[in-house]
């Protein structure tokens, strides 16, 4: 693996850092952690495609709670909706890899 692999938006390191930022945030619930994990994991070629049905099956949460979690995650700027799902098409999300990571802030302060 070259250094160029870490410069791509969907690189594993960037996904890990984004998920770590969500987990470290004080606003995120446990369901937010699970939903963010699924959305970030499904990110390929610039978008993450996830249906509510998939999120229900993977997390075991209700549709209402998942929608609330997705709204909370989007309101804090972790994800944004590119195209809403319809019928059998999943919703497409964009990930904000520039979301502030408290781990990096602590490392800079030390």
PDB file of N, CA and C in Angstrom:
ATOM      1  N   UNK A   1       0.849  -1.172   0.000  1.00  0.00           N
ATOM      2  CA  UNK A   1       0.000   0.000   0.000  1.00  0.00           C
ATOM      3  C   UNK A   1       0.894   1.235   0.000  1.00  0.00           C
ATOM      4  N   UNK A   2       0.586   2.167  -0.827  1.00  0.00           N
ATOM      5  CA  UNK A   2       1.386   3.377  -0.937  1.00  0.00           C
ATOM      6  C   UNK A   2       0.738   4.516  -0.169  1.00  0.00           C
ATOM      7  N   UNK A   3       1.462   5.618  -0.043  1.00  0.00           N
ATOM      8  CA  UNK A   3       0.906   6.801   0.618  1.00  0.00           C
ATOM      9  C   UNK A   3      -0.279   7.356  -0.147  1.00  0.00           C
ATOM     10  N   UNK A   4      -0.317   7.137  -1.439  1.00  0.00           N
ATOM     11  CA  UNK A   4      -1.435   7.630  -2.255  1.00  0.00           C
ATOM     12  C   UNK A   4      -2.741   6.954  -1.858  1.00  0.00           C
ATOM     13  N   UNK A   5      -2.674   5.711  -1.379  1.00  0.00           N
ATOM     14  CA  UNK A   5      -3.881   5.003  -0.951  1.00  0.00           C
ATOM     15  C   UNK A   5      -4.543   5.685   0.234  1.00  0.00           C
ATOM     16  N   UNK A   6      -3.759   6.371   1.060  1.00  0.00           N
ATOM     17  CA  UNK A   6      -4.318   7.053   2.213  1.00  0.00           C
ATOM     18  C   UNK A   6      -4.872   8.420   1.852  1.00  0.00           C
ATOM     19  N   UNK A   7      -4.661   8.870   0.648  1.00  0.00           N
ATOM     20  CA  UNK A   7      -5.170  10.160   0.196  1.00  0.00           C
ATOM     21  C   UNK A   7      -6.551  10.048  -0.433  1.00  0.00           C
ATOM     22  N   UNK A   8      -7.000   8.840  -0.742  1.00  0.00           N
ATOM     23  CA  UNK A   8      -8.315   8.673  -1.343  1.00  0.00           C
ATOM     24  C   UNK A   8      -9.383   8.850  -0.277  1.00  0.00           C
ATOM     25  N   UNK A   9     -10.530   9.450  -0.633  1.00  0.00           N
ATOM     26  CA  UNK A   9     -11.569   9.721   0.362  1.00  0.00           C
ATOM     27  C   UNK A   9     -12.108   8.492   1.055  1.00  0.00           C
ATOM     28  N   UNK A  10     -12.075   7.350   0.410  1.00  0.00           N
ATOM     29  CA  UNK A  10     -12.661   6.159   1.015  1.00  0.00           C
ATOM     30  C   UNK A  10     -11.620   5.268   1.682  1.00  0.00           C
ATOM     31  N   UNK A  11     -10.444   5.823   1.965  1.00  0.00           N
ATOM     32  CA  UNK A  11      -9.414   4.983   2.557  1.00  0.00           C
ATOM     33  C   UNK A  11      -9.817   4.519   3.950  1.00  0.00           C
ATOM     34  N   UNK A  12      -9.292   3.397   4.327  1.00  0.00           N
ATOM     35  CA  UNK A  12      -9.608   2.799   5.620  1.00  0.00           C
ATOM     36  C   UNK A  12      -9.216   3.718   6.778  1.00  0.00           C
ATOM     37  N   UNK A  13      -8.074   4.390   6.651  1.00  0.00           N
ATOM     38  CA  UNK A  13      -7.618   5.284   7.722  1.00  0.00           C
ATOM     39  C   UNK A  13      -8.592   6.450   7.919  1.00  0.00           C
ATOM     40  N   UNK A  14      -9.085   7.010   6.842  1.00  0.00           N
ATOM     41  CA  UNK A  14     -10.035   8.125   6.954  1.00  0.00           C
ATOM     42  C   UNK A  14     -11.360   7.655   7.528  1.00  0.00           C
ATOM     43  N   UNK A  15     -11.799   6.466   7.138  1.00  0.00           N
ATOM     44  CA  UNK A  15     -13.028   5.917   7.704  1.00  0.00           C
ATOM     45  C   UNK A  15     -12.873   5.687   9.203  1.00  0.00           C
ATOM     46  N   UNK A  16     -11.743   5.133   9.594  1.00  0.00           N
ATOM     47  CA  UNK A  16     -11.464   4.873  11.008  1.00  0.00           C
ATOM     48  C   UNK A  16     -11.459   6.176  11.808  1.00  0.00           C
ATOM     49  N   UNK A  17     -10.811   7.203  11.283  1.00  0.00           N
ATOM     50  CA  UNK A  17     -10.759   8.490  11.978  1.00  0.00           C
ATOM     51  C   UNK A  17     -12.137   9.117  12.100  1.00  0.00           C
ATOM     52  N   UNK A  18     -12.947   9.019  11.068  1.00  0.00           N
ATOM     53  CA  UNK A  18     -14.295   9.587  11.121  1.00  0.00           C
ATOM     54  C   UNK A  18     -15.147   8.848  12.145  1.00  0.00           C
ATOM     55  N   UNK A  19     -15.093   7.531  12.144  1.00  0.00           N
ATOM     56  CA  UNK A  19     -15.855   6.770  13.125  1.00  0.00           C
ATOM     57  C   UNK A  19     -15.365   7.064  14.541  1.00  0.00           C
ATOM     58  N   UNK A  20     -14.071   7.196  14.710  1.00  0.00           N
ATOM     59  CA  UNK A  20     -13.518   7.559  16.017  1.00  0.00           C
ATOM     60  C   UNK A  20     -14.010   8.913  16.493  1.00  0.00           C
ATOM     61  N   UNK A  21     -14.147   9.851  15.584  1.00  0.00           N
ATOM     62  CA  UNK A  21     -14.652  11.178  15.939  1.00  0.00           C
ATOM     63  C   UNK A  21     -16.098  11.111  16.399  1.00  0.00           C
ATOM     64  N   UNK A  22     -16.892  10.269  15.748  1.00  0.00           N
ATOM     65  CA  UNK A  22     -18.293  10.107  16.158  1.00  0.00           C
ATOM     66  C   UNK A  22     -18.365   9.448  17.533  1.00  0.00           C
ATOM     67  N   UNK A  23     -17.579   8.414  17.741  1.00  0.00           N
ATOM     68  CA  UNK A  23     -17.584   7.711  19.019  1.00  0.00           C
ATOM     69  C   UNK A  23     -17.120   8.630  20.148  1.00  0.00           C
ATOM     70  N   UNK A  24     -16.143   9.476  19.878  1.00  0.00           N
ATOM     71  CA  UNK A  24     -15.611  10.387  20.896  1.00  0.00           C
ATOM     72  C   UNK A  24     -16.518  11.580  21.175  1.00  0.00           C
ATOM     73  N   UNK A  25     -17.450  11.856  20.289  1.00  0.00           N
ATOM     74  CA  UNK A  25     -18.307  13.036  20.473  1.00  0.00           C
ATOM     75  C   UNK A  25     -19.258  12.815  21.646  1.00  0.00           C
ATOM     76  N   UNK A  26     -19.625  13.905  22.292  1.00  0.00           N
ATOM     77  CA  UNK A  26     -20.495  13.806  23.462  1.00  0.00           C
ATOM     78  C   UNK A  26     -21.972  13.745  23.084  1.00  0.00           C
ATOM     79  N   UNK A  27     -22.324  14.105  21.883  1.00  0.00           N
ATOM     80  CA  UNK A  27     -23.726  14.127  21.466  1.00  0.00           C
ATOM     81  C   UNK A  27     -24.199  12.774  20.947  1.00  0.00           C
ATOM     82  N   UNK A  28     -23.285  11.914  20.533  1.00  0.00           N
ATOM     83  CA  UNK A  28     -23.666  10.663  19.867  1.00  0.00           C
ATOM     84  C   UNK A  28     -24.131   9.606  20.871  1.00  0.00           C
ATOM     85  N   UNK A  29     -25.250   8.968  20.536  1.00  0.00           N
ATOM     86  CA  UNK A  29     -25.775   7.869  21.346  1.00  0.00           C
ATOM     87  C   UNK A  29     -25.169   6.556  20.859  1.00  0.00           C
ATOM     88  N   UNK A  30     -25.475   5.494  21.570  1.00  0.00           N
ATOM     89  CA  UNK A  30     -24.981   4.180  21.157  1.00  0.00           C
ATOM     90  C   UNK A  30     -25.556   3.792  19.792  1.00  0.00           C
ATOM     91  N   UNK A  31     -26.819   4.120  19.556  1.00  0.00           N
ATOM     92  CA  UNK A  31     -27.405   3.844  18.249  1.00  0.00           C
ATOM     93  C   UNK A  31     -26.710   4.660  17.171  1.00  0.00           C
ATOM     94  N   UNK A  32     -26.362   5.907  17.472  1.00  0.00           N
ATOM     95  CA  UNK A  32     -25.622   6.735  16.516  1.00  0.00           C
ATOM     96  C   UNK A  32     -24.308   6.058  16.140  1.00  0.00           C
ATOM     97  N   UNK A  33     -23.641   5.465  17.104  1.00  0.00           N
ATOM     98  CA  UNK A  33     -22.384   4.757  16.826  1.00  0.00           C
ATOM     99  C   UNK A  33     -22.618   3.609  15.850  1.00  0.00           C
ATOM    100  N   UNK A  34     -23.684   2.838  16.095  1.00  0.00           N
ATOM    101  CA  UNK A  34     -23.974   1.684  15.226  1.00  0.00           C
ATOM    102  C   UNK A  34     -24.362   2.144  13.821  1.00  0.00           C
ATOM    103  N   UNK A  35     -25.225   3.151  13.734  1.00  0.00           N
ATOM    104  CA  UNK A  35     -25.666   3.646  12.430  1.00  0.00           C
ATOM    105  C   UNK A  35     -24.488   4.238  11.668  1.00  0.00           C
ATOM    106  N   UNK A  36     -23.669   5.040  12.342  1.00  0.00           N
ATOM    107  CA  UNK A  36     -22.499   5.633  11.688  1.00  0.00           C
ATOM    108  C   UNK A  36     -21.538   4.552  11.206  1.00  0.00           C
ATOM    109  N   UNK A  37     -21.383   3.494  11.982  1.00  0.00           N
ATOM    110  CA  UNK A  37     -20.509   2.392  11.582  1.00  0.00           C
ATOM    111  C   UNK A  37     -20.974   1.774  10.268  1.00  0.00           C
ATOM    112  N   UNK A  38     -22.274   1.535  10.153  1.00  0.00           N
ATOM    113  CA  UNK A  38     -22.815   0.923   8.933  1.00  0.00           C
ATOM    114  C   UNK A  38     -22.657   1.874   7.747  1.00  0.00           C
ATOM    115  N   UNK A  39     -23.008   3.138   7.938  1.00  0.00           N
ATOM    116  CA  UNK A  39     -22.926   4.103   6.828  1.00  0.00           C
ATOM    117  C   UNK A  39     -21.479   4.269   6.385  1.00  0.00           C
ATOM    118  N   UNK A  40     -20.567   4.415   7.328  1.00  0.00           N
ATOM    119  CA  UNK A  40     -19.153   4.593   6.978  1.00  0.00           C
ATOM    120  C   UNK A  40     -18.603   3.338   6.310  1.00  0.00           C
ATOM    121  N   UNK A  41     -18.989   2.172   6.796  1.00  0.00           N
ATOM    122  CA  UNK A  41     -18.521   0.918   6.207  1.00  0.00           C
ATOM    123  C   UNK A  41     -18.999   0.741   4.768  1.00  0.00           C
ATOM    124  N   UNK A  42     -20.168   1.268   4.464  1.00  0.00           N
ATOM    125  CA  UNK A  42     -20.737   1.112   3.112  1.00  0.00           C
ATOM    126  C   UNK A  42     -20.279   2.198   2.143  1.00  0.00           C
ATOM    127  N   UNK A  43     -19.307   2.997   2.517  1.00  0.00           N
ATOM    128  CA  UNK A  43     -18.813   4.079   1.656  1.00  0.00           C
ATOM    129  C   UNK A  43     -17.829   3.526   0.638  1.00  0.00           C
ATOM    130  N   UNK A  44     -18.192   3.639  -0.637  1.00  0.00           N
ATOM    131  CA  UNK A  44     -17.347   3.206  -1.754  1.00  0.00           C
ATOM    132  C   UNK A  44     -17.495   4.201  -2.882  1.00  0.00           C
ATOM    133  N   UNK A  45     -16.419   4.525  -3.528  1.00  0.00           N
ATOM    134  CA  UNK A  45     -16.426   5.381  -4.721  1.00  0.00           C
ATOM    135  C   UNK A  45     -17.170   6.699  -4.513  1.00  0.00           C
ATOM    136  N   UNK A  46     -16.984   7.314  -3.364  1.00  0.00           N
ATOM    137  CA  UNK A  46     -17.521   8.652  -3.141  1.00  0.00           C
ATOM    138  C   UNK A  46     -18.870   8.743  -2.473  1.00  0.00           C
ATOM    139  N   UNK A  47     -19.607   7.636  -2.364  1.00  0.00           N
ATOM    140  CA  UNK A  47     -20.905   7.677  -1.692  1.00  0.00           C
ATOM    141  C   UNK A  47     -21.101   6.435  -0.836  1.00  0.00           C
ATOM    142  N   UNK A  48     -21.973   6.581   0.143  1.00  0.00           N
ATOM    143  CA  UNK A  48     -22.375   5.445   0.971  1.00  0.00           C
ATOM    144  C   UNK A  48     -23.842   5.179   0.693  1.00  0.00           C
ATOM    145  N   UNK A  49     -24.177   3.995   0.267  1.00  0.00           N
ATOM    146  CA  UNK A  49     -25.556   3.630  -0.053  1.00  0.00           C
ATOM    147  C   UNK A  49     -26.089   2.681   1.018  1.00  0.00           C
ATOM    148  N   UNK A  50     -27.123   3.146   1.752  1.00  0.00           N
ATOM    149  CA  UNK A  50     -27.685   2.349   2.832  1.00  0.00           C
ATOM    150  C   UNK A  50     -29.190   2.570   2.860  1.00  0.00           C
ATOM    151  N   UNK A  51     -29.948   1.482   2.972  1.00  0.00           N
ATOM    152  CA  UNK A  51     -31.399   1.596   3.095  1.00  0.00           C
ATOM    153  C   UNK A  51     -31.795   1.521   4.567  1.00  0.00           C
ATOM    154  N   UNK A  52     -32.960   2.055   4.874  1.00  0.00           N
ATOM    155  CA  UNK A  52     -33.474   1.969   6.239  1.00  0.00           C
ATOM    156  C   UNK A  52     -33.699   0.515   6.642  1.00  0.00           C
ATOM    157  N   UNK A  53     -34.135  -0.295   5.699  1.00  0.00           N
ATOM    158  CA  UNK A  53     -34.350  -1.712   5.982  1.00  0.00           C
ATOM    159  C   UNK A  53     -33.044  -2.389   6.388  1.00  0.00           C
ATOM    160  N   UNK A  54     -31.957  -2.089   5.676  1.00  0.00           N
ATOM    161  CA  UNK A  54     -30.653  -2.649   6.049  1.00  0.00           C
ATOM    162  C   UNK A  54     -30.255  -2.205   7.449  1.00  0.00           C
ATOM    163  N   UNK A  55     -30.456  -0.926   7.747  1.00  0.00           N
ATOM    164  CA  UNK A  55     -30.102  -0.418   9.072  1.00  0.00           C
ATOM    165  C   UNK A  55     -30.950  -1.063  10.162  1.00  0.00           C
ATOM    166  N   UNK A  56     -32.234  -1.300   9.867  1.00  0.00           N
ATOM    167  CA  UNK A  56     -33.096  -1.989  10.829  1.00  0.00           C
ATOM    168  C   UNK A  56     -32.574  -3.393  11.122  1.00  0.00           C
ATOM    169  N   UNK A  57     -32.215  -4.114  10.068  1.00  0.00           N
ATOM    170  CA  UNK A  57     -31.760  -5.499  10.232  1.00  0.00           C
ATOM    171  C   UNK A  57     -30.408  -5.570  10.940  1.00  0.00           C
ATOM    172  N   UNK A  58     -29.516  -4.660  10.609  1.00  0.00           N
ATOM    173  CA  UNK A  58     -28.171  -4.706  11.176  1.00  0.00           C
ATOM    174  C   UNK A  58     -28.148  -4.245  12.635  1.00  0.00           C
ATOM    175  N   UNK A  59     -28.851  -3.157  12.926  1.00  0.00           N
ATOM    176  CA  UNK A  59     -28.797  -2.601  14.283  1.00  0.00           C
ATOM    177  C   UNK A  59     -29.841  -3.191  15.222  1.00  0.00           C
ATOM    178  N   UNK A  60     -30.939  -3.713  14.668  1.00  0.00           N
ATOM    179  CA  UNK A  60     -32.020  -4.217  15.497  1.00  0.00           C
ATOM    180  C   UNK A  60     -32.894  -3.118  16.072  1.00  0.00           C
ATOM    181  N   UNK A  61     -32.691  -1.893  15.635  1.00  0.00           N
ATOM    182  CA  UNK A  61     -33.466  -0.751  16.117  1.00  0.00           C
ATOM    183  C   UNK A  61     -34.692  -0.532  15.242  1.00  0.00           C
ATOM    184  N   UNK A  62     -35.623   0.261  15.744  1.00  0.00           N
ATOM    185  CA  UNK A  62     -36.824   0.573  14.974  1.00  0.00           C
ATOM    186  C   UNK A  62     -36.517   1.631  13.923  1.00  0.00           C
ATOM    187  N   UNK A  63     -37.335   1.662  12.899  1.00  0.00           N
ATOM    188  CA  UNK A  63     -37.182   2.636  11.817  1.00  0.00           C
ATOM    189  C   UNK A  63     -37.224   4.063  12.357  1.00  0.00           C
ATOM    190  N   UNK A  64     -38.131   4.332  13.296  1.00  0.00           N
ATOM    191  CA  UNK A  64     -38.260   5.680  13.872  1.00  0.00           C
ATOM    192  C   UNK A  64     -36.972   6.098  14.571  1.00  0.00           C
ATOM    193  N   UNK A  65     -36.391   5.201  15.353  1.00  0.00           N
ATOM    194  CA  UNK A  65     -35.144   5.527  16.048  1.00  0.00           C
ATOM    195  C   UNK A  65     -33.977   5.699  15.080  1.00  0.00           C
ATOM    196  N   UNK A  66     -33.952   4.905  14.028  1.00  0.00           N
ATOM    197  CA  UNK A  66     -32.885   5.017  13.029  1.00  0.00           C
ATOM    198  C   UNK A  66     -32.981   6.349  12.299  1.00  0.00           C
ATOM    199  N   UNK A  67     -34.184   6.756  11.942  1.00  0.00           N
ATOM    200  CA  UNK A  67     -34.363   8.053  11.262  1.00  0.00           C
ATOM    201  C   UNK A  67     -33.894   9.180  12.167  1.00  0.00           C
ATOM    202  N   UNK A  68     -34.241   9.111  13.444  1.00  0.00           N
ATOM    203  CA  UNK A  68     -33.777  10.120  14.396  1.00  0.00           C
ATOM    204  C   UNK A  68     -32.266  10.141  14.504  1.00  0.00           C
ATOM    205  N   UNK A  69     -31.657   8.971  14.512  1.00  0.00           N
ATOM    206  CA  UNK A  69     -30.204   8.869  14.585  1.00  0.00           C
ATOM    207  C   UNK A  69     -29.544   9.452  13.338  1.00  0.00           C
ATOM    208  N   UNK A  70     -30.069   9.114  12.160  1.00  0.00           N
ATOM    209  CA  UNK A  70     -29.519   9.666  10.922  1.00  0.00           C
ATOM    210  C   UNK A  70     -29.641  11.193  10.883  1.00  0.00           C
ATOM    211  N   UNK A  71     -30.758  11.706  11.352  1.00  0.00           N
ATOM    212  CA  UNK A  71     -30.940  13.163  11.403  1.00  0.00           C
ATOM    213  C   UNK A  71     -29.935  13.807  12.349  1.00  0.00           C
ATOM    214  N   UNK A  72     -29.708  13.186  13.500  1.00  0.00           N
ATOM    215  CA  UNK A  72     -28.752  13.719  14.471  1.00  0.00           C
ATOM    216  C   UNK A  72     -27.334  13.702  13.892  1.00  0.00           C
ATOM    217  N   UNK A  73     -26.974  12.604  13.259  1.00  0.00           N
ATOM    218  CA  UNK A  73     -25.638  12.482  12.667  1.00  0.00           C
ATOM    219  C   UNK A  73     -25.458  13.523  11.561  1.00  0.00           C
ATOM    220  N   UNK A  74     -26.485  13.709  10.738  1.00  0.00           N
ATOM    221  CA  UNK A  74     -26.417  14.706   9.669  1.00  0.00           C
ATOM    222  C   UNK A  74     -26.400  16.126  10.230  1.00  0.00           C
ATOM    223  N   UNK A  75     -27.172  16.385  11.284  1.00  0.00           N
ATOM    224  CA  UNK A  75     -27.226  17.726  11.876  1.00  0.00           C
ATOM    225  C   UNK A  75     -25.875  18.141  12.455  1.00  0.00           C
ATOM    226  N   UNK A  76     -25.100  17.183  12.913  1.00  0.00           N
ATOM    227  CA  UNK A  76     -23.783  17.508  13.456  1.00  0.00           C
ATOM    228  C   UNK A  76     -22.701  17.550  12.373  1.00  0.00           C
ATOM    229  N   UNK A  77     -23.068  17.257  11.139  1.00  0.00           N
ATOM    230  CA  UNK A  77     -22.151  17.428  10.022  1.00  0.00           C
ATOM    231  C   UNK A  77     -21.287  16.235   9.677  1.00  0.00           C
ATOM    232  N   UNK A  78     -21.612  15.067  10.181  1.00  0.00           N
ATOM    233  CA  UNK A  78     -20.819  13.877   9.863  1.00  0.00           C
ATOM    234  C   UNK A  78     -21.152  13.369   8.467  1.00  0.00           C
ATOM    235  N   UNK A  79     -22.441  13.360   8.129  1.00  0.00           N
ATOM    236  CA  UNK A  79     -22.894  12.900   6.816  1.00  0.00           C
ATOM    237  C   UNK A  79     -23.837  13.928   6.215  1.00  0.00           C
ATOM    238  N   UNK A  80     -24.047  13.821   4.931  1.00  0.00           N
ATOM    239  CA  UNK A  80     -25.083  14.610   4.256  1.00  0.00           C
ATOM    240  C   UNK A  80     -25.740  13.711   3.209  1.00  0.00           C
ATOM    241  N   UNK A  81     -26.994  13.992   2.945  1.00  0.00           N
ATOM    242  CA  UNK A  81     -27.752  13.181   1.989  1.00  0.00           C
ATOM    243  C   UNK A  81     -27.487  13.698   0.586  1.00  0.00           C
ATOM    244  N   UNK A  82     -27.047  12.814  -0.277  1.00  0.00           N
ATOM    245  CA  UNK A  82     -26.850  13.153  -1.687  1.00  0.00           C
ATOM    246  C   UNK A  82     -28.147  12.926  -2.448  1.00  0.00           C
ATOM    247  N   UNK A  83     -28.743  11.750  -2.241  1.00  0.00           N
ATOM    248  CA  UNK A  83     -30.001  11.406  -2.916  1.00  0.00           C
ATOM    249  C   UNK A  83     -30.816  10.514  -1.998  1.00  0.00           C
ATOM    250  N   UNK A  84     -32.033  10.937  -1.724  1.00  0.00           N
ATOM    251  CA  UNK A  84     -32.926  10.170  -0.857  1.00  0.00           C
ATOM    252  C   UNK A  84     -33.352   8.878  -1.547  1.00  0.00           C
ATOM    253  N   UNK A  85     -33.511   7.851  -0.753  1.00  0.00           N
ATOM    254  CA  UNK A  85     -33.956   6.569  -1.276  1.00  0.00           C
ATOM    255  C   UNK A  85     -35.421   6.612  -1.664  1.00  0.00           C
ATOM    256  N   UNK A  86     -35.784   5.786  -2.596  1.00  0.00           N
ATOM    257  CA  UNK A  86     -37.167   5.668  -3.044  1.00  0.00           C
ATOM    258  C   UNK A  86     -37.397   4.243  -3.513  1.00  0.00           C
ATOM    259  N   UNK A  87     -38.537   3.710  -3.154  1.00  0.00           N
ATOM    260  CA  UNK A  87     -38.907   2.360  -3.535  1.00  0.00           C
ATOM    261  C   UNK A  87     -37.826   1.380  -3.066  1.00  0.00           C
ATOM    262  N   UNK A  88     -37.092   0.786  -3.972  1.00  0.00           N
ATOM    263  CA  UNK A  88     -36.058  -0.183  -3.605  1.00  0.00           C
ATOM    264  C   UNK A  88     -34.656   0.400  -3.710  1.00  0.00           C
ATOM    265  N   UNK A  89     -34.560   1.702  -3.939  1.00  0.00           N
ATOM    266  CA  UNK A  89     -33.247   2.342  -4.056  1.00  0.00           C
ATOM    267  C   UNK A  89     -32.832   2.879  -2.680  1.00  0.00           C
ATOM    268  N   UNK A  90     -31.615   2.557  -2.210  1.00  0.00           N
ATOM    269  CA  UNK A  90     -31.171   3.055  -0.906  1.00  0.00           C
ATOM    270  C   UNK A  90     -30.807   4.544  -0.972  1.00  0.00           C
ATOM    271  N   UNK A  91     -30.769   5.174   0.180  1.00  0.00           N
ATOM    272  CA  UNK A  91     -30.343   6.570   0.266  1.00  0.00           C
ATOM    273  C   UNK A  91     -28.834   6.626   0.088  1.00  0.00           C
ATOM    274  N   UNK A  92     -28.370   7.653  -0.607  1.00  0.00           N
ATOM    275  CA  UNK A  92     -26.937   7.849  -0.815  1.00  0.00           C
ATOM    276  C   UNK A  92     -26.461   8.973   0.090  1.00  0.00           C
ATOM    277  N   UNK A  93     -25.366   8.725   0.802  1.00  0.00           N
ATOM    278  CA  UNK A  93     -24.806   9.683   1.747  1.00  0.00           C
ATOM    279  C   UNK A  93     -23.391  10.067   1.350  1.00  0.00           C
ATOM    280  N   UNK A  94     -23.027  11.296   1.669  1.00  0.00           N
ATOM    281  CA  UNK A  94     -21.653  11.762   1.521  1.00  0.00           C
ATOM    282  C   UNK A  94     -21.069  11.849   2.926  1.00  0.00           C
ATOM    283  N   UNK A  95     -19.831  11.437   3.102  1.00  0.00           N
ATOM    284  CA  UNK A  95     -19.185  11.486   4.403  1.00  0.00           C
ATOM    285  C   UNK A  95     -18.312  12.726   4.503  1.00  0.00           C
ATOM    286  N   UNK A  96     -18.319  13.363   5.661  1.00  0.00           N
ATOM    287  CA  UNK A  96     -17.501  14.544   5.910  1.00  0.00           C
ATOM    288  C   UNK A  96     -16.218  14.097   6.604  1.00  0.00           C
ATOM    289  N   UNK A  97     -15.194  13.818   5.830  1.00  0.00           N
ATOM    290  CA  UNK A  97     -13.935  13.356   6.397  1.00  0.00           C
ATOM    291  C   UNK A  97     -13.200  14.477   7.134  1.00  0.00           C
ATOM    292  N   UNK A  98     -13.679  15.704   7.020  1.00  0.00           N
ATOM    293  CA  UNK A  98     -13.089  16.830   7.743  1.00  0.00           C
ATOM    294  C   UNK A  98     -13.785  17.081   9.077  1.00  0.00           C
ATOM    295  N   UNK A  99     -14.683  16.184   9.476  1.00  0.00           N
ATOM    296  CA  UNK A  99     -15.370  16.329  10.759  1.00  0.00           C
ATOM    297  C   UNK A  99     -14.317  16.363  11.865  1.00  0.00           C
ATOM    298  N   UNK A 100     -14.426  17.322  12.801  1.00  0.00           N
ATOM    299  CA  UNK A 100     -13.378  17.459  13.824  1.00  0.00           C
ATOM    300  C   UNK A 100     -13.231  16.218  14.686  1.00  0.00           C
ATOM    301  N   UNK A 101     -12.004  15.800  14.841  1.00  0.00           N
ATOM    302  CA  UNK A 101     -11.689  14.610  15.630  1.00  0.00           C
ATOM    303  C   UNK A 101     -11.001  15.045  16.913  1.00  0.00           C
ATOM    304  N   UNK A 102     -11.631  14.788  18.065  1.00  0.00           N
ATOM    305  CA  UNK A 102     -11.071  15.203  19.352  1.00  0.00           C
ATOM    306  C   UNK A 102      -9.758  14.492  19.637  1.00  0.00           C
ATOM    307  N   UNK A 103      -9.567  13.289  19.126  1.00  0.00           N
ATOM    308  CA  UNK A 103      -8.309  12.573  19.354  1.00  0.00           C
ATOM    309  C   UNK A 103      -7.146  13.353  18.784  1.00  0.00           C
ATOM    310  N   UNK A 104      -7.344  13.921  17.594  1.00  0.00           N
ATOM    311  CA  UNK A 104      -6.284  14.710  16.959  1.00  0.00           C
ATOM    312  C   UNK A 104      -6.046  15.995  17.744  1.00  0.00           C
ATOM    313  N   UNK A 105      -7.098  16.609  18.284  1.00  0.00           N
ATOM    314  CA  UNK A 105      -6.946  17.828  19.063  1.00  0.00           C
ATOM    315  C   UNK A 105      -6.144  17.558  20.320  1.00  0.00           C
ATOM    316  N   UNK A 106      -6.395  16.412  20.991  1.00  0.00           N
ATOM    317  CA  UNK A 106      -5.642  16.067  22.190  1.00  0.00           C
ATOM    318  C   UNK A 106      -4.181  15.797  21.861  1.00  0.00           C
ATOM    319  N   UNK A 107      -3.947  15.167  20.725  1.00  0.00           N
ATOM    320  CA  UNK A 107      -2.578  14.863  20.324  1.00  0.00           C
ATOM    321  C   UNK A 107      -1.801  16.144  20.033  1.00  0.00           C
ATOM    322  N   UNK A 108      -2.452  17.145  19.430  1.00  0.00           N
ATOM    323  CA  UNK A 108      -1.788  18.411  19.133  1.00  0.00           C
ATOM    324  C   UNK A 108      -1.492  19.196  20.406  1.00  0.00           C
ATOM    325  N   UNK A 109      -2.378  19.085  21.405  1.00  0.00           N
ATOM    326  CA  UNK A 109      -2.207  19.839  22.642  1.00  0.00           C
ATOM    327  C   UNK A 109      -1.080  19.273  23.496  1.00  0.00           C
ATOM    328  N   UNK A 110      -0.787  17.990  23.338  1.00  0.00           N
ATOM    329  CA  UNK A 110       0.231  17.361  24.184  1.00  0.00           C
ATOM    330  C   UNK A 110       1.634  17.709  23.768  1.00  0.00           C
TER     331      UNK A 110
END
